[in-house]
């Protein structure tokens, strides 16, 4: 996973659950900082939540509804065991 927040002057704080890890792995612009509580630390914020789905993936579909396998740079729909779905787009 990566994050690109360079040349975004209105984004001063990025909320993260592990500030040390985020700073070590995602910092590429000194104007942005990570915090566990941006609402108290900064004016402009963005939150990035980790996907914590625990249900088994049972099928993958393309945008036309055809069953497929993983393909980078393609919008896919994942169908999980509990009936939930997720739209996924992964850049290679």
PDB file of N, CA and C in Angstrom:
ATOM      1  N   UNK A   1       0.843  -1.169   0.000  1.00  0.00           N
ATOM      2  CA  UNK A   1       0.000   0.000   0.000  1.00  0.00           C
ATOM      3  C   UNK A   1       0.883   1.224   0.000  1.00  0.00           C
ATOM      4  N   UNK A   2       0.476   2.265  -0.687  1.00  0.00           N
ATOM      5  CA  UNK A   2       1.236   3.500  -0.702  1.00  0.00           C
ATOM      6  C   UNK A   2       0.290   4.681  -0.562  1.00  0.00           C
ATOM      7  N   UNK A   3       0.865   5.830  -0.260  1.00  0.00           N
ATOM      8  CA  UNK A   3       0.099   7.061  -0.134  1.00  0.00           C
ATOM      9  C   UNK A   3       0.911   8.171  -0.781  1.00  0.00           C
ATOM     10  N   UNK A   4       0.257   9.014  -1.544  1.00  0.00           N
ATOM     11  CA  UNK A   4       0.921  10.145  -2.172  1.00  0.00           C
ATOM     12  C   UNK A   4       0.149  11.398  -1.801  1.00  0.00           C
ATOM     13  N   UNK A   5       0.726  12.199  -0.930  1.00  0.00           N
ATOM     14  CA  UNK A   5       0.074  13.429  -0.482  1.00  0.00           C
ATOM     15  C   UNK A   5       0.929  14.651  -0.781  1.00  0.00           C
ATOM     16  N   UNK A   6       1.835  14.535  -1.736  1.00  0.00           N
ATOM     17  CA  UNK A   6       2.712  15.654  -2.060  1.00  0.00           C
ATOM     18  C   UNK A   6       1.948  16.760  -2.768  1.00  0.00           C
ATOM     19  N   UNK A   7       2.434  17.970  -2.609  1.00  0.00           N
ATOM     20  CA  UNK A   7       1.863  19.159  -3.237  1.00  0.00           C
ATOM     21  C   UNK A   7       0.374  19.288  -2.975  1.00  0.00           C
ATOM     22  N   UNK A   8      -0.003  19.062  -1.729  1.00  0.00           N
ATOM     23  CA  UNK A   8      -1.378  19.200  -1.287  1.00  0.00           C
ATOM     24  C   UNK A   8      -1.374  20.157  -0.096  1.00  0.00           C
ATOM     25  N   UNK A   9      -1.297  21.458  -0.332  1.00  0.00           N
ATOM     26  CA  UNK A   9      -1.086  22.423   0.741  1.00  0.00           C
ATOM     27  C   UNK A   9      -2.216  22.488   1.771  1.00  0.00           C
ATOM     28  N   UNK A  10      -3.410  22.021   1.442  1.00  0.00           N
ATOM     29  CA  UNK A  10      -4.512  22.061   2.391  1.00  0.00           C
ATOM     30  C   UNK A  10      -4.594  20.827   3.280  1.00  0.00           C
ATOM     31  N   UNK A  11      -3.730  19.858   3.056  1.00  0.00           N
ATOM     32  CA  UNK A  11      -3.722  18.635   3.856  1.00  0.00           C
ATOM     33  C   UNK A  11      -2.516  18.665   4.778  1.00  0.00           C
ATOM     34  N   UNK A  12      -2.753  18.987   6.036  1.00  0.00           N
ATOM     35  CA  UNK A  12      -1.656  19.093   6.996  1.00  0.00           C
ATOM     36  C   UNK A  12      -1.551  17.858   7.876  1.00  0.00           C
ATOM     37  N   UNK A  13      -2.658  17.144   8.076  1.00  0.00           N
ATOM     38  CA  UNK A  13      -2.673  16.028   9.012  1.00  0.00           C
ATOM     39  C   UNK A  13      -3.348  14.820   8.370  1.00  0.00           C
ATOM     40  N   UNK A  14      -2.715  13.663   8.508  1.00  0.00           N
ATOM     41  CA  UNK A  14      -3.276  12.408   8.022  1.00  0.00           C
ATOM     42  C   UNK A  14      -3.447  11.509   9.231  1.00  0.00           C
ATOM     43  N   UNK A  15      -4.687  11.145   9.519  1.00  0.00           N
ATOM     44  CA  UNK A  15      -4.968  10.340  10.704  1.00  0.00           C
ATOM     45  C   UNK A  15      -4.603   8.886  10.455  1.00  0.00           C
ATOM     46  N   UNK A  16      -3.838   8.311  11.390  1.00  0.00           N
ATOM     47  CA  UNK A  16      -3.378   6.933  11.267  1.00  0.00           C
ATOM     48  C   UNK A  16      -3.383   6.279  12.635  1.00  0.00           C
ATOM     49  N   UNK A  17      -3.537   4.964  12.667  1.00  0.00           N
ATOM     50  CA  UNK A  17      -3.549   4.266  13.949  1.00  0.00           C
ATOM     51  C   UNK A  17      -2.145   3.971  14.470  1.00  0.00           C
ATOM     52  N   UNK A  18      -1.121   4.056  13.613  1.00  0.00           N
ATOM     53  CA  UNK A  18       0.260   3.834  14.035  1.00  0.00           C
ATOM     54  C   UNK A  18       1.118   4.932  13.416  1.00  0.00           C
ATOM     55  N   UNK A  19       1.311   6.010  14.162  1.00  0.00           N
ATOM     56  CA  UNK A  19       2.003   7.194  13.660  1.00  0.00           C
ATOM     57  C   UNK A  19       3.452   6.879  13.295  1.00  0.00           C
ATOM     58  N   UNK A  20       4.152   6.130  14.137  1.00  0.00           N
ATOM     59  CA  UNK A  20       5.562   5.822  13.881  1.00  0.00           C
ATOM     60  C   UNK A  20       5.722   5.019  12.593  1.00  0.00           C
ATOM     61  N   UNK A  21       4.900   3.995  12.403  1.00  0.00           N
ATOM     62  CA  UNK A  21       4.981   3.181  11.199  1.00  0.00           C
ATOM     63  C   UNK A  21       4.618   4.013   9.972  1.00  0.00           C
ATOM     64  N   UNK A  22       3.561   4.805  10.067  1.00  0.00           N
ATOM     65  CA  UNK A  22       3.131   5.622   8.934  1.00  0.00           C
ATOM     66  C   UNK A  22       4.199   6.627   8.534  1.00  0.00           C
ATOM     67  N   UNK A  23       4.815   7.260   9.507  1.00  0.00           N
ATOM     68  CA  UNK A  23       5.874   8.229   9.225  1.00  0.00           C
ATOM     69  C   UNK A  23       7.075   7.545   8.572  1.00  0.00           C
ATOM     70  N   UNK A  24       7.441   6.368   9.075  1.00  0.00           N
ATOM     71  CA  UNK A  24       8.602   5.646   8.540  1.00  0.00           C
ATOM     72  C   UNK A  24       8.356   5.112   7.133  1.00  0.00           C
ATOM     73  N   UNK A  25       7.125   4.737   6.827  1.00  0.00           N
ATOM     74  CA  UNK A  25       6.843   4.073   5.557  1.00  0.00           C
ATOM     75  C   UNK A  25       6.142   4.923   4.512  1.00  0.00           C
ATOM     76  N   UNK A  26       5.496   6.005   4.922  1.00  0.00           N
ATOM     77  CA  UNK A  26       4.692   6.766   3.972  1.00  0.00           C
ATOM     78  C   UNK A  26       5.125   8.212   3.799  1.00  0.00           C
ATOM     79  N   UNK A  27       6.041   8.714   4.574  1.00  0.00           N
ATOM     80  CA  UNK A  27       6.373  10.128   4.492  1.00  0.00           C
ATOM     81  C   UNK A  27       7.219  10.411   3.258  1.00  0.00           C
ATOM     82  N   UNK A  28       6.687  11.264   2.387  1.00  0.00           N
ATOM     83  CA  UNK A  28       7.451  11.712   1.229  1.00  0.00           C
ATOM     84  C   UNK A  28       7.308  13.216   1.016  1.00  0.00           C
ATOM     85  N   UNK A  29       6.718  13.891   1.982  1.00  0.00           N
ATOM     86  CA  UNK A  29       6.516  15.333   1.868  1.00  0.00           C
ATOM     87  C   UNK A  29       6.508  15.919   3.272  1.00  0.00           C
ATOM     88  N   UNK A  30       7.388  16.836   3.549  1.00  0.00           N
ATOM     89  CA  UNK A  30       7.515  17.370   4.911  1.00  0.00           C
ATOM     90  C   UNK A  30       6.349  18.236   5.347  1.00  0.00           C
ATOM     91  N   UNK A  31       5.456  18.650   4.446  1.00  0.00           N
ATOM     92  CA  UNK A  31       4.337  19.491   4.854  1.00  0.00           C
ATOM     93  C   UNK A  31       3.216  18.688   5.521  1.00  0.00           C
ATOM     94  N   UNK A  32       3.199  17.372   5.338  1.00  0.00           N
ATOM     95  CA  UNK A  32       2.159  16.529   5.909  1.00  0.00           C
ATOM     96  C   UNK A  32       2.690  15.809   7.138  1.00  0.00           C
ATOM     97  N   UNK A  33       1.791  15.558   8.097  1.00  0.00           N
ATOM     98  CA  UNK A  33       2.187  14.795   9.269  1.00  0.00           C
ATOM     99  C   UNK A  33       1.091  13.793   9.608  1.00  0.00           C
ATOM    100  N   UNK A  34       1.458  12.778  10.375  1.00  0.00           N
ATOM    101  CA  UNK A  34       0.513  11.762  10.817  1.00  0.00           C
ATOM    102  C   UNK A  34       0.185  11.998  12.285  1.00  0.00           C
ATOM    103  N   UNK A  35      -1.045  11.684  12.654  1.00  0.00           N
ATOM    104  CA  UNK A  35      -1.487  11.835  14.036  1.00  0.00           C
ATOM    105  C   UNK A  35      -2.544  10.781  14.322  1.00  0.00           C
ATOM    106  N   UNK A  36      -2.682  10.413  15.589  1.00  0.00           N
ATOM    107  CA  UNK A  36      -3.765   9.504  15.981  1.00  0.00           C
ATOM    108  C   UNK A  36      -5.064  10.263  16.222  1.00  0.00           C
ATOM    109  N   UNK A  37      -4.997  11.599  16.253  1.00  0.00           N
ATOM    110  CA  UNK A  37      -6.191  12.401  16.482  1.00  0.00           C
ATOM    111  C   UNK A  37      -6.060  13.723  15.752  1.00  0.00           C
ATOM    112  N   UNK A  38      -6.289  13.731  14.445  1.00  0.00           N
ATOM    113  CA  UNK A  38      -6.154  14.943  13.643  1.00  0.00           C
ATOM    114  C   UNK A  38      -7.169  16.018  14.032  1.00  0.00           C
ATOM    115  N   UNK A  39      -8.328  15.623  14.528  1.00  0.00           N
ATOM    116  CA  UNK A  39      -9.343  16.617  14.882  1.00  0.00           C
ATOM    117  C   UNK A  39      -8.834  17.604  15.923  1.00  0.00           C
ATOM    118  N   UNK A  40      -7.971  17.165  16.822  1.00  0.00           N
ATOM    119  CA  UNK A  40      -7.417  18.067  17.829  1.00  0.00           C
ATOM    120  C   UNK A  40      -6.103  18.684  17.401  1.00  0.00           C
ATOM    121  N   UNK A  41      -5.414  18.065  16.431  1.00  0.00           N
ATOM    122  CA  UNK A  41      -4.073  18.511  16.058  1.00  0.00           C
ATOM    123  C   UNK A  41      -4.050  19.450  14.858  1.00  0.00           C
ATOM    124  N   UNK A  42      -4.969  19.299  13.916  1.00  0.00           N
ATOM    125  CA  UNK A  42      -4.869  20.018  12.650  1.00  0.00           C
ATOM    126  C   UNK A  42      -6.233  20.517  12.194  1.00  0.00           C
ATOM    127  N   UNK A  43      -6.200  21.394  11.202  1.00  0.00           N
ATOM    128  CA  UNK A  43      -7.424  21.933  10.632  1.00  0.00           C
ATOM    129  C   UNK A  43      -7.955  21.043   9.518  1.00  0.00           C
ATOM    130  N   UNK A  44      -7.101  20.628   8.586  1.00  0.00           N
ATOM    131  CA  UNK A  44      -7.512  19.801   7.460  1.00  0.00           C
ATOM    132  C   UNK A  44      -7.070  18.367   7.716  1.00  0.00           C
ATOM    133  N   UNK A  45      -7.974  17.412   7.536  1.00  0.00           N
ATOM    134  CA  UNK A  45      -7.647  16.032   7.878  1.00  0.00           C
ATOM    135  C   UNK A  45      -8.120  15.058   6.799  1.00  0.00           C
ATOM    136  N   UNK A  46      -7.522  13.882   6.820  1.00  0.00           N
ATOM    137  CA  UNK A  46      -7.992  12.749   6.042  1.00  0.00           C
ATOM    138  C   UNK A  46      -7.734  11.507   6.881  1.00  0.00           C
ATOM    139  N   UNK A  47      -8.638  10.567   6.863  1.00  0.00           N
ATOM    140  CA  UNK A  47      -8.449   9.313   7.589  1.00  0.00           C
ATOM    141  C   UNK A  47      -8.322   8.161   6.603  1.00  0.00           C
ATOM    142  N   UNK A  48      -7.432   7.241   6.882  1.00  0.00           N
ATOM    143  CA  UNK A  48      -7.250   6.063   6.039  1.00  0.00           C
ATOM    144  C   UNK A  48      -7.526   4.850   6.907  1.00  0.00           C
ATOM    145  N   UNK A  49      -8.554   4.123   6.582  1.00  0.00           N
ATOM    146  CA  UNK A  49      -8.923   2.961   7.369  1.00  0.00           C
ATOM    147  C   UNK A  49      -8.381   1.692   6.723  1.00  0.00           C
ATOM    148  N   UNK A  50      -7.915   0.794   7.555  1.00  0.00           N
ATOM    149  CA  UNK A  50      -7.423  -0.489   7.072  1.00  0.00           C
ATOM    150  C   UNK A  50      -8.612  -1.398   6.795  1.00  0.00           C
ATOM    151  N   UNK A  51      -8.558  -2.090   5.676  1.00  0.00           N
ATOM    152  CA  UNK A  51      -9.606  -3.033   5.342  1.00  0.00           C
ATOM    153  C   UNK A  51      -9.453  -4.251   6.248  1.00  0.00           C
ATOM    154  N   UNK A  52     -10.464  -4.523   7.056  1.00  0.00           N
ATOM    155  CA  UNK A  52     -10.372  -5.615   8.021  1.00  0.00           C
ATOM    156  C   UNK A  52     -11.418  -6.693   7.763  1.00  0.00           C
ATOM    157  N   UNK A  53     -11.793  -6.880   6.515  1.00  0.00           N
ATOM    158  CA  UNK A  53     -12.772  -7.919   6.209  1.00  0.00           C
ATOM    159  C   UNK A  53     -12.194  -9.279   6.571  1.00  0.00           C
ATOM    160  N   UNK A  54     -12.990 -10.066   7.283  1.00  0.00           N
ATOM    161  CA  UNK A  54     -12.502 -11.372   7.707  1.00  0.00           C
ATOM    162  C   UNK A  54     -13.254 -12.516   7.027  1.00  0.00           C
ATOM    163  N   UNK A  55     -14.251 -12.184   6.245  1.00  0.00           N
ATOM    164  CA  UNK A  55     -15.014 -13.222   5.562  1.00  0.00           C
ATOM    165  C   UNK A  55     -14.203 -13.764   4.380  1.00  0.00           C
ATOM    166  N   UNK A  56     -14.317 -15.051   4.115  1.00  0.00           N
ATOM    167  CA  UNK A  56     -13.592 -15.627   2.972  1.00  0.00           C
ATOM    168  C   UNK A  56     -14.128 -15.102   1.638  1.00  0.00           C
ATOM    169  N   UNK A  57     -13.228 -14.803   0.734  1.00  0.00           N
ATOM    170  CA  UNK A  57     -13.579 -14.397  -0.620  1.00  0.00           C
ATOM    171  C   UNK A  57     -14.002 -15.648  -1.385  1.00  0.00           C
ATOM    172  N   UNK A  58     -15.202 -15.604  -2.005  1.00  0.00           N
ATOM    173  CA  UNK A  58     -15.655 -16.794  -2.719  1.00  0.00           C
ATOM    174  C   UNK A  58     -15.652 -16.622  -4.236  1.00  0.00           C
ATOM    175  N   UNK A  59     -15.844 -15.371  -4.737  1.00  0.00           N
ATOM    176  CA  UNK A  59     -15.833 -15.145  -6.181  1.00  0.00           C
ATOM    177  C   UNK A  59     -15.335 -13.740  -6.477  1.00  0.00           C
ATOM    178  N   UNK A  60     -14.782 -13.581  -7.671  1.00  0.00           N
ATOM    179  CA  UNK A  60     -14.348 -12.285  -8.175  1.00  0.00           C
ATOM    180  C   UNK A  60     -15.003 -12.062  -9.525  1.00  0.00           C
ATOM    181  N   UNK A  61     -15.607 -10.875  -9.697  1.00  0.00           N
ATOM    182  CA  UNK A  61     -16.300 -10.536 -10.936  1.00  0.00           C
ATOM    183  C   UNK A  61     -15.685  -9.294 -11.555  1.00  0.00           C
ATOM    184  N   UNK A  62     -15.741  -9.199 -12.898  1.00  0.00           N
ATOM    185  CA  UNK A  62     -15.346  -7.957 -13.552  1.00  0.00           C
ATOM    186  C   UNK A  62     -16.556  -7.020 -13.564  1.00  0.00           C
ATOM    187  N   UNK A  63     -16.386  -5.837 -14.106  1.00  0.00           N
ATOM    188  CA  UNK A  63     -17.448  -4.826 -14.089  1.00  0.00           C
ATOM    189  C   UNK A  63     -18.672  -5.254 -14.899  1.00  0.00           C
ATOM    190  N   UNK A  64     -18.506  -6.214 -15.812  1.00  0.00           N
ATOM    191  CA  UNK A  64     -19.627  -6.705 -16.613  1.00  0.00           C
ATOM    192  C   UNK A  64     -20.350  -7.869 -15.937  1.00  0.00           C
ATOM    193  N   UNK A  65     -19.881  -8.269 -14.750  1.00  0.00           N
ATOM    194  CA  UNK A  65     -20.529  -9.343 -14.014  1.00  0.00           C
ATOM    195  C   UNK A  65     -20.017 -10.730 -14.343  1.00  0.00           C
ATOM    196  N   UNK A  66     -18.938 -10.795 -15.112  1.00  0.00           N
ATOM    197  CA  UNK A  66     -18.365 -12.091 -15.472  1.00  0.00           C
ATOM    198  C   UNK A  66     -17.381 -12.525 -14.398  1.00  0.00           C
ATOM    199  N   UNK A  67     -17.449 -13.784 -14.001  1.00  0.00           N
ATOM    200  CA  UNK A  67     -16.502 -14.296 -13.024  1.00  0.00           C
ATOM    201  C   UNK A  67     -15.097 -14.269 -13.619  1.00  0.00           C
ATOM    202  N   UNK A  68     -14.124 -13.834 -12.829  1.00  0.00           N
ATOM    203  CA  UNK A  68     -12.764 -13.678 -13.324  1.00  0.00           C
ATOM    204  C   UNK A  68     -11.768 -13.919 -12.195  1.00  0.00           C
ATOM    205  N   UNK A  69     -10.507 -13.764 -12.490  1.00  0.00           N
ATOM    206  CA  UNK A  69      -9.454 -13.828 -11.484  1.00  0.00           C
ATOM    207  C   UNK A  69      -8.899 -12.418 -11.296  1.00  0.00           C
ATOM    208  N   UNK A  70      -8.008 -12.249 -10.348  1.00  0.00           N
ATOM    209  CA  UNK A  70      -7.423 -10.939 -10.088  1.00  0.00           C
ATOM    210  C   UNK A  70      -6.692 -10.425 -11.326  1.00  0.00           C
ATOM    211  N   UNK A  71      -6.918  -9.145 -11.646  1.00  0.00           N
ATOM    212  CA  UNK A  71      -6.222  -8.484 -12.744  1.00  0.00           C
ATOM    213  C   UNK A  71      -5.876  -7.070 -12.278  1.00  0.00           C
ATOM    214  N   UNK A  72      -4.595  -6.691 -12.318  1.00  0.00           N
ATOM    215  CA  UNK A  72      -4.245  -5.329 -11.919  1.00  0.00           C
ATOM    216  C   UNK A  72      -4.809  -4.306 -12.905  1.00  0.00           C
ATOM    217  N   UNK A  73      -5.011  -3.094 -12.439  1.00  0.00           N
ATOM    218  CA  UNK A  73      -5.518  -1.982 -13.254  1.00  0.00           C
ATOM    219  C   UNK A  73      -6.912  -2.251 -13.811  1.00  0.00           C
ATOM    220  N   UNK A  74      -7.696  -3.030 -13.092  1.00  0.00           N
ATOM    221  CA  UNK A  74      -9.054  -3.377 -13.507  1.00  0.00           C
ATOM    222  C   UNK A  74      -9.977  -3.270 -12.307  1.00  0.00           C
ATOM    223  N   UNK A  75     -11.149  -2.665 -12.512  1.00  0.00           N
ATOM    224  CA  UNK A  75     -12.135  -2.621 -11.447  1.00  0.00           C
ATOM    225  C   UNK A  75     -12.742  -4.003 -11.287  1.00  0.00           C
ATOM    226  N   UNK A  76     -12.651  -4.545 -10.074  1.00  0.00           N
ATOM    227  CA  UNK A  76     -13.187  -5.868  -9.782  1.00  0.00           C
ATOM    228  C   UNK A  76     -14.191  -5.782  -8.648  1.00  0.00           C
ATOM    229  N   UNK A  77     -15.080  -6.742  -8.581  1.00  0.00           N
ATOM    230  CA  UNK A  77     -16.049  -6.849  -7.499  1.00  0.00           C
ATOM    231  C   UNK A  77     -15.795  -8.171  -6.793  1.00  0.00           C
ATOM    232  N   UNK A  78     -15.509  -8.078  -5.503  1.00  0.00           N
ATOM    233  CA  UNK A  78     -15.271  -9.271  -4.699  1.00  0.00           C
ATOM    234  C   UNK A  78     -16.565  -9.646  -3.991  1.00  0.00           C
ATOM    235  N   UNK A  79     -16.915 -10.916  -4.008  1.00  0.00           N
ATOM    236  CA  UNK A  79     -18.079 -11.450  -3.305  1.00  0.00           C
ATOM    237  C   UNK A  79     -17.569 -12.320  -2.160  1.00  0.00           C
ATOM    238  N   UNK A  80     -17.997 -11.992  -0.948  1.00  0.00           N
ATOM    239  CA  UNK A  80     -17.541 -12.714   0.236  1.00  0.00           C
ATOM    240  C   UNK A  80     -18.577 -13.729   0.697  1.00  0.00           C
ATOM    241  N   UNK A  81     -18.122 -14.646   1.536  1.00  0.00           N
ATOM    242  CA  UNK A  81     -18.931 -15.747   2.045  1.00  0.00           C
ATOM    243  C   UNK A  81     -20.213 -15.281   2.734  1.00  0.00           C
ATOM    244  N   UNK A  82     -20.177 -14.111   3.379  1.00  0.00           N
ATOM    245  CA  UNK A  82     -21.357 -13.619   4.101  1.00  0.00           C
ATOM    246  C   UNK A  82     -22.327 -12.866   3.189  1.00  0.00           C
ATOM    247  N   UNK A  83     -22.047 -12.805   1.873  1.00  0.00           N
ATOM    248  CA  UNK A  83     -22.916 -12.115   0.922  1.00  0.00           C
ATOM    249  C   UNK A  83     -22.515 -10.666   0.678  1.00  0.00           C
ATOM    250  N   UNK A  84     -21.549 -10.148   1.423  1.00  0.00           N
ATOM    251  CA  UNK A  84     -21.106  -8.772   1.218  1.00  0.00           C
ATOM    252  C   UNK A  84     -20.234  -8.683  -0.024  1.00  0.00           C
ATOM    253  N   UNK A  85     -20.142  -7.482  -0.577  1.00  0.00           N
ATOM    254  CA  UNK A  85     -19.326  -7.247  -1.764  1.00  0.00           C
ATOM    255  C   UNK A  85     -18.397  -6.070  -1.519  1.00  0.00           C
ATOM    256  N   UNK A  86     -17.373  -5.981  -2.336  1.00  0.00           N
ATOM    257  CA  UNK A  86     -16.413  -4.896  -2.240  1.00  0.00           C
ATOM    258  C   UNK A  86     -15.909  -4.593  -3.644  1.00  0.00           C
ATOM    259  N   UNK A  87     -15.883  -3.288  -3.999  1.00  0.00           N
ATOM    260  CA  UNK A  87     -15.289  -2.868  -5.271  1.00  0.00           C
ATOM    261  C   UNK A  87     -13.802  -2.652  -5.022  1.00  0.00           C
ATOM    262  N   UNK A  88     -12.962  -3.184  -5.904  1.00  0.00           N
ATOM    263  CA  UNK A  88     -11.513  -3.121  -5.717  1.00  0.00           C
ATOM    264  C   UNK A  88     -10.859  -2.685  -7.016  1.00  0.00           C
ATOM    265  N   UNK A  89      -9.951  -1.720  -6.914  1.00  0.00           N
ATOM    266  CA  UNK A  89      -9.140  -1.310  -8.062  1.00  0.00           C
ATOM    267  C   UNK A  89      -7.709  -1.244  -7.571  1.00  0.00           C
ATOM    268  N   UNK A  90      -6.846  -2.086  -8.110  1.00  0.00           N
ATOM    269  CA  UNK A  90      -5.450  -2.152  -7.682  1.00  0.00           C
ATOM    270  C   UNK A  90      -4.562  -1.710  -8.833  1.00  0.00           C
ATOM    271  N   UNK A  91      -3.710  -0.736  -8.563  1.00  0.00           N
ATOM    272  CA  UNK A  91      -2.776  -0.242  -9.564  1.00  0.00           C
ATOM    273  C   UNK A  91      -1.498  -1.037  -9.473  1.00  0.00           C
ATOM    274  N   UNK A  92      -1.007  -1.513 -10.585  1.00  0.00           N
ATOM    275  CA  UNK A  92       0.238  -2.290 -10.597  1.00  0.00           C
ATOM    276  C   UNK A  92       1.416  -1.372 -10.720  1.00  0.00           C
TER     277      UNK A  92
END
